[in-house]
N, C-alpha and C. Protein backbone atom coordinates (compact mmCIF):
# COMPACT_ATOMS: atom_id res chain seq x y z
N MET A 1 0.84 -1.19 0.00
CA MET A 1 0.00 0.00 0.00
C MET A 1 0.88 1.24 0.00
N GLU A 2 0.56 2.20 -0.85
CA GLU A 2 1.32 3.42 -0.98
C GLU A 2 1.01 4.37 0.18
N GLU A 3 2.05 4.99 0.71
CA GLU A 3 1.88 5.95 1.79
C GLU A 3 1.26 7.24 1.25
N LYS A 4 0.22 7.71 1.91
CA LYS A 4 -0.42 8.96 1.49
C LYS A 4 0.40 10.15 1.95
N VAL A 5 0.23 11.26 1.27
CA VAL A 5 0.94 12.49 1.59
C VAL A 5 0.07 13.32 2.53
N PHE A 6 0.71 13.91 3.54
CA PHE A 6 0.01 14.81 4.47
C PHE A 6 0.80 16.10 4.56
N LEU A 7 0.15 17.21 4.14
CA LEU A 7 0.78 18.52 4.17
C LEU A 7 0.00 19.46 5.07
N LYS A 8 0.73 20.35 5.75
CA LYS A 8 0.12 21.43 6.52
C LYS A 8 0.60 22.75 5.95
N LEU A 9 -0.35 23.61 5.62
CA LEU A 9 -0.03 24.94 5.11
C LEU A 9 -0.47 25.97 6.14
N PHE A 10 0.48 26.73 6.64
CA PHE A 10 0.21 27.78 7.62
C PHE A 10 0.20 29.13 6.91
N VAL A 11 -0.90 29.88 7.08
CA VAL A 11 -1.05 31.20 6.49
C VAL A 11 -1.50 32.18 7.57
N THR A 12 -1.45 33.47 7.24
CA THR A 12 -1.87 34.51 8.19
C THR A 12 -3.05 35.28 7.61
N GLY A 13 -4.24 34.98 8.10
CA GLY A 13 -5.43 35.72 7.71
C GLY A 13 -5.80 35.57 6.25
N LYS A 14 -6.61 36.50 5.77
CA LYS A 14 -7.13 36.47 4.41
C LYS A 14 -6.42 37.49 3.53
N THR A 15 -5.11 37.52 3.63
CA THR A 15 -4.31 38.45 2.85
C THR A 15 -4.10 37.94 1.43
N GLU A 16 -3.65 38.82 0.55
CA GLU A 16 -3.33 38.45 -0.82
C GLU A 16 -2.25 37.37 -0.85
N ARG A 17 -1.25 37.50 0.00
CA ARG A 17 -0.16 36.52 0.07
C ARG A 17 -0.69 35.15 0.50
N SER A 18 -1.60 35.14 1.48
CA SER A 18 -2.19 33.88 1.93
C SER A 18 -3.01 33.25 0.82
N ARG A 19 -3.80 34.06 0.12
CA ARG A 19 -4.64 33.55 -0.96
C ARG A 19 -3.79 32.94 -2.07
N LYS A 20 -2.70 33.61 -2.44
CA LYS A 20 -1.81 33.09 -3.48
C LYS A 20 -1.19 31.77 -3.06
N ALA A 21 -0.78 31.68 -1.79
CA ALA A 21 -0.19 30.45 -1.29
C ALA A 21 -1.21 29.31 -1.32
N ILE A 22 -2.41 29.58 -0.84
CA ILE A 22 -3.46 28.55 -0.83
C ILE A 22 -3.80 28.12 -2.25
N ASP A 23 -4.00 29.08 -3.15
CA ASP A 23 -4.36 28.75 -4.54
C ASP A 23 -3.26 27.93 -5.21
N GLY A 24 -2.00 28.33 -5.02
CA GLY A 24 -0.89 27.61 -5.64
C GLY A 24 -0.76 26.18 -5.14
N ILE A 25 -0.88 26.00 -3.84
CA ILE A 25 -0.74 24.67 -3.25
C ILE A 25 -1.95 23.81 -3.60
N LYS A 26 -3.16 24.36 -3.53
CA LYS A 26 -4.35 23.57 -3.88
C LYS A 26 -4.31 23.11 -5.33
N SER A 27 -3.87 23.99 -6.22
CA SER A 27 -3.79 23.66 -7.64
C SER A 27 -2.82 22.50 -7.86
N ALA A 28 -1.64 22.59 -7.28
CA ALA A 28 -0.64 21.52 -7.42
C ALA A 28 -1.11 20.25 -6.72
N PHE A 29 -1.74 20.42 -5.58
CA PHE A 29 -2.24 19.27 -4.82
C PHE A 29 -3.23 18.49 -5.67
N ASP A 30 -4.19 19.18 -6.27
CA ASP A 30 -5.19 18.52 -7.11
C ASP A 30 -4.54 17.86 -8.33
N ALA A 31 -3.57 18.54 -8.94
CA ALA A 31 -2.92 18.02 -10.14
C ALA A 31 -2.04 16.81 -9.87
N TYR A 32 -1.32 16.81 -8.75
CA TYR A 32 -0.34 15.77 -8.49
C TYR A 32 -0.77 14.70 -7.50
N LEU A 33 -1.64 15.05 -6.56
CA LEU A 33 -1.97 14.09 -5.50
C LEU A 33 -3.41 13.62 -5.52
N GLY A 34 -4.35 14.52 -5.71
CA GLY A 34 -5.75 14.14 -5.71
C GLY A 34 -6.14 13.40 -4.44
N GLU A 35 -6.55 12.15 -4.61
CA GLU A 35 -7.00 11.32 -3.48
C GLU A 35 -5.85 10.73 -2.67
N ASN A 36 -4.62 10.92 -3.13
CA ASN A 36 -3.46 10.32 -2.45
C ASN A 36 -2.86 11.20 -1.38
N GLY A 37 -3.61 12.18 -0.92
CA GLY A 37 -3.06 13.05 0.10
C GLY A 37 -4.09 13.87 0.82
N THR A 38 -3.61 14.51 1.88
CA THR A 38 -4.43 15.39 2.70
C THR A 38 -3.70 16.71 2.85
N LEU A 39 -4.44 17.80 2.66
CA LEU A 39 -3.89 19.13 2.85
C LEU A 39 -4.68 19.81 3.96
N GLU A 40 -3.99 20.22 5.00
CA GLU A 40 -4.61 20.95 6.11
C GLU A 40 -4.13 22.40 6.04
N ILE A 41 -5.08 23.33 5.95
CA ILE A 41 -4.74 24.75 5.90
C ILE A 41 -5.04 25.35 7.26
N ILE A 42 -4.03 25.99 7.85
CA ILE A 42 -4.14 26.53 9.20
C ILE A 42 -3.87 28.02 9.17
N ASP A 43 -4.83 28.80 9.63
CA ASP A 43 -4.68 30.24 9.76
C ASP A 43 -4.11 30.50 11.16
N VAL A 44 -2.91 31.04 11.22
CA VAL A 44 -2.25 31.23 12.52
C VAL A 44 -2.95 32.29 13.38
N LEU A 45 -3.76 33.15 12.76
CA LEU A 45 -4.52 34.12 13.55
C LEU A 45 -5.66 33.43 14.31
N GLN A 46 -6.21 32.38 13.72
CA GLN A 46 -7.30 31.65 14.35
C GLN A 46 -6.80 30.51 15.24
N ASN A 47 -5.64 29.96 14.93
CA ASN A 47 -5.09 28.82 15.66
C ASN A 47 -3.61 29.01 16.00
N PRO A 48 -3.29 30.02 16.79
CA PRO A 48 -1.87 30.26 17.09
C PRO A 48 -1.20 29.09 17.82
N GLN A 49 -1.97 28.32 18.55
CA GLN A 49 -1.40 27.19 19.28
C GLN A 49 -0.87 26.12 18.32
N LEU A 50 -1.51 25.94 17.17
CA LEU A 50 -1.02 24.97 16.19
C LEU A 50 0.28 25.44 15.56
N ALA A 51 0.37 26.74 15.29
CA ALA A 51 1.61 27.30 14.75
C ALA A 51 2.74 27.16 15.77
N ASP A 52 2.41 27.41 17.02
CA ASP A 52 3.40 27.28 18.09
C ASP A 52 3.87 25.83 18.23
N ALA A 53 2.94 24.89 18.15
CA ALA A 53 3.28 23.47 18.29
C ALA A 53 4.22 23.01 17.18
N GLU A 54 4.06 23.57 15.99
CA GLU A 54 4.92 23.21 14.85
C GLU A 54 6.13 24.14 14.72
N LYS A 55 6.24 25.08 15.63
CA LYS A 55 7.35 26.05 15.64
C LYS A 55 7.41 26.85 14.33
N VAL A 56 6.23 27.30 13.88
CA VAL A 56 6.13 28.12 12.68
C VAL A 56 6.43 29.57 13.08
N MET A 57 7.46 30.13 12.48
CA MET A 57 7.90 31.48 12.81
C MET A 57 7.56 32.50 11.73
N ALA A 58 7.21 32.03 10.53
CA ALA A 58 6.88 32.92 9.41
C ALA A 58 5.82 32.25 8.55
N THR A 59 5.05 33.05 7.85
CA THR A 59 4.05 32.49 6.95
C THR A 59 4.19 33.11 5.57
N PRO A 60 3.80 32.41 4.53
CA PRO A 60 3.28 31.06 4.59
C PRO A 60 4.39 30.04 4.79
N THR A 61 4.05 28.98 5.51
CA THR A 61 4.94 27.85 5.74
C THR A 61 4.20 26.59 5.32
N LEU A 62 4.86 25.74 4.56
CA LEU A 62 4.31 24.46 4.15
C LEU A 62 5.16 23.36 4.76
N ILE A 63 4.51 22.43 5.46
CA ILE A 63 5.22 21.33 6.09
C ILE A 63 4.74 20.01 5.49
N ARG A 64 5.68 19.23 4.99
CA ARG A 64 5.37 17.87 4.54
C ARG A 64 5.55 16.97 5.75
N MET A 65 4.43 16.52 6.31
CA MET A 65 4.46 15.66 7.49
C MET A 65 4.71 14.20 7.10
N ILE A 66 4.02 13.76 6.05
CA ILE A 66 4.15 12.40 5.53
C ILE A 66 4.29 12.53 4.03
N PRO A 67 5.24 11.88 3.40
CA PRO A 67 6.18 10.92 3.95
C PRO A 67 7.29 11.60 4.75
N THR A 68 7.86 10.85 5.64
CA THR A 68 8.98 11.34 6.41
C THR A 68 10.24 11.22 5.56
N PRO A 69 11.26 11.98 5.82
CA PRO A 69 11.40 12.94 6.91
C PRO A 69 10.55 14.19 6.65
N VAL A 70 10.23 14.86 7.73
CA VAL A 70 9.46 16.10 7.65
C VAL A 70 10.30 17.13 6.90
N ARG A 71 9.64 17.86 5.99
CA ARG A 71 10.32 18.93 5.25
C ARG A 71 9.49 20.20 5.37
N ARG A 72 10.17 21.35 5.44
CA ARG A 72 9.51 22.65 5.58
C ARG A 72 9.97 23.59 4.49
N LEU A 73 9.00 24.36 3.99
CA LEU A 73 9.30 25.42 3.04
C LEU A 73 8.61 26.69 3.52
N ILE A 74 9.28 27.80 3.36
CA ILE A 74 8.73 29.10 3.75
C ILE A 74 8.85 30.02 2.54
N GLY A 75 7.78 30.76 2.24
CA GLY A 75 7.91 31.75 1.17
C GLY A 75 6.75 31.79 0.22
N ASP A 76 7.05 32.05 -1.04
CA ASP A 76 6.06 32.22 -2.10
C ASP A 76 5.68 30.86 -2.67
N PHE A 77 4.42 30.49 -2.52
CA PHE A 77 3.95 29.20 -3.02
C PHE A 77 3.02 29.34 -4.22
N SER A 78 3.08 30.48 -4.90
CA SER A 78 2.20 30.70 -6.04
C SER A 78 2.50 29.73 -7.18
N ASP A 79 3.73 29.24 -7.28
CA ASP A 79 4.10 28.22 -8.28
C ASP A 79 4.08 26.86 -7.60
N GLY A 80 2.89 26.27 -7.53
CA GLY A 80 2.70 25.01 -6.82
C GLY A 80 3.55 23.88 -7.37
N LYS A 81 3.75 23.84 -8.70
CA LYS A 81 4.57 22.79 -9.30
C LYS A 81 6.00 22.86 -8.77
N ARG A 82 6.55 24.06 -8.70
CA ARG A 82 7.91 24.24 -8.18
C ARG A 82 7.99 23.79 -6.72
N VAL A 83 6.99 24.17 -5.95
CA VAL A 83 6.95 23.79 -4.53
C VAL A 83 6.90 22.27 -4.39
N PHE A 84 6.04 21.62 -5.17
CA PHE A 84 5.94 20.16 -5.07
C PHE A 84 7.24 19.49 -5.50
N ASN A 85 7.93 20.06 -6.48
CA ASN A 85 9.23 19.51 -6.86
C ASN A 85 10.24 19.67 -5.73
N LEU A 86 10.22 20.81 -5.04
CA LEU A 86 11.12 21.00 -3.90
C LEU A 86 10.82 20.02 -2.77
N LEU A 87 9.55 19.67 -2.63
CA LEU A 87 9.15 18.70 -1.59
C LEU A 87 9.28 17.26 -2.08
N GLU A 88 9.77 17.11 -3.32
CA GLU A 88 9.90 15.80 -3.95
C GLU A 88 8.56 15.09 -4.04
N LEU A 89 7.52 15.86 -4.45
CA LEU A 89 6.17 15.32 -4.58
C LEU A 89 5.62 15.48 -5.99
N GLY A 90 6.31 16.18 -6.87
CA GLY A 90 5.77 16.46 -8.19
C GLY A 90 6.48 15.73 -9.30
N GLY A 91 5.82 15.71 -10.45
CA GLY A 91 6.42 15.12 -11.65
C GLY A 91 6.89 13.71 -11.45
N GLU A 92 8.17 13.47 -11.71
CA GLU A 92 8.72 12.13 -11.67
C GLU A 92 8.74 11.52 -10.27
N ALA A 93 8.62 12.37 -9.23
CA ALA A 93 8.64 11.86 -7.86
C ALA A 93 7.36 11.09 -7.52
N LEU A 94 6.29 11.30 -8.30
CA LEU A 94 5.03 10.61 -7.98
C LEU A 94 5.00 9.27 -8.61
């Protein structure tokens, strides 16, 4: 059985930067993973305790929880394909 992918995306409020990050990751997620993964979007303004638990210091932050090892990316996620390649989840990695 193939291990499913689990990602956490931390954003701050309903800003333009947050929207771009969410749109970019959702687009890549649908294109590359579909039913083979879970994406959890966490607004640090609404859930600061979750950001604290994961030691998120800046947003947007994307954490690949599964597969291990855990990997973190911080920054511009508008190019979801590039992000998934950095996380080794896109293209030939699938």
